Amino acid sequence: MSKALSLLILAMMALHLWRPLGFPGLRYRRDVWKIAVFALVAIAVTVLLSHHG
């Protein structure tokens, strides 16, 4: 699951650098760091949930 999530996030970052996505808070190319922070949090939660059970 985390590998698929990582690939999805990388694709979103590349797409955002090419053409900004236009989501709230992601209007400019310089906002790509916000996707990276979201990715780190999402992967951490995925890892924690998979090792918790």
Protein backbone atom coordinates (compact mmCIF):
# COMPACT_ATOMS: atom_id res chain seq x y z
CA MET A 1 0.00 0.00 0.00
CA SER A 2 2.74 2.47 0.88
CA LYS A 3 4.52 1.85 -2.45
CA ALA A 4 1.36 2.61 -4.39
CA LEU A 5 0.78 5.70 -2.27
CA SER A 6 4.37 6.82 -2.86
CA LEU A 7 4.01 6.47 -6.63
CA LEU A 8 0.71 8.36 -6.58
CA ILE A 9 2.23 11.21 -4.57
CA LEU A 10 5.28 11.39 -6.86
CA ALA A 11 2.98 11.57 -9.87
CA MET A 12 0.97 14.35 -8.22
CA MET A 13 4.16 16.30 -7.47
CA ALA A 14 5.42 15.96 -11.03
CA LEU A 15 2.05 16.99 -12.44
CA HIS A 16 1.88 19.95 -10.06
CA LEU A 17 5.31 21.16 -11.17
CA TRP A 18 4.27 20.92 -14.80
CA ARG A 19 0.82 22.46 -14.32
CA PRO A 20 -0.47 23.47 -10.86
CA LEU A 21 -3.41 21.35 -9.73
CA GLY A 22 -5.52 24.28 -8.56
CA PHE A 23 -6.69 22.67 -5.33
CA PRO A 24 -7.14 25.03 -2.37
CA GLY A 25 -3.64 25.75 -1.08
CA LEU A 26 -2.01 24.37 -4.24
CA ARG A 27 -2.41 27.25 -6.66
CA TYR A 28 1.28 27.88 -7.46
CA ARG A 29 4.24 25.70 -8.48
CA ARG A 30 6.09 26.71 -5.31
CA ASP A 31 3.39 24.93 -3.26
CA VAL A 32 4.77 21.51 -4.26
CA TRP A 33 6.36 21.20 -0.79
CA LYS A 34 2.87 20.91 0.70
CA ILE A 35 2.31 17.72 -1.30
CA ALA A 36 5.61 16.36 0.04
CA VAL A 37 4.60 17.09 3.64
CA PHE A 38 1.23 15.43 3.05
CA ALA A 39 3.03 12.42 1.57
CA LEU A 40 5.29 12.04 4.61
CA VAL A 41 2.31 12.18 6.96
CA ALA A 42 0.25 9.77 4.86
CA ILE A 43 3.07 7.23 4.61
CA ALA A 44 3.77 7.51 8.35
CA VAL A 45 0.10 6.87 9.14
CA THR A 46 0.03 3.93 6.72
CA VAL A 47 3.11 2.40 8.35
CA LEU A 48 1.78 2.95 11.86
CA LEU A 49 -1.57 1.37 11.01
CA SER A 50 0.02 -1.62 9.29
CA HIS A 51 2.38 -2.35 12.20
CA HIS A 52 -0.16 -1.64 14.91
CA GLY A 53 -2.53 -4.49 14.05
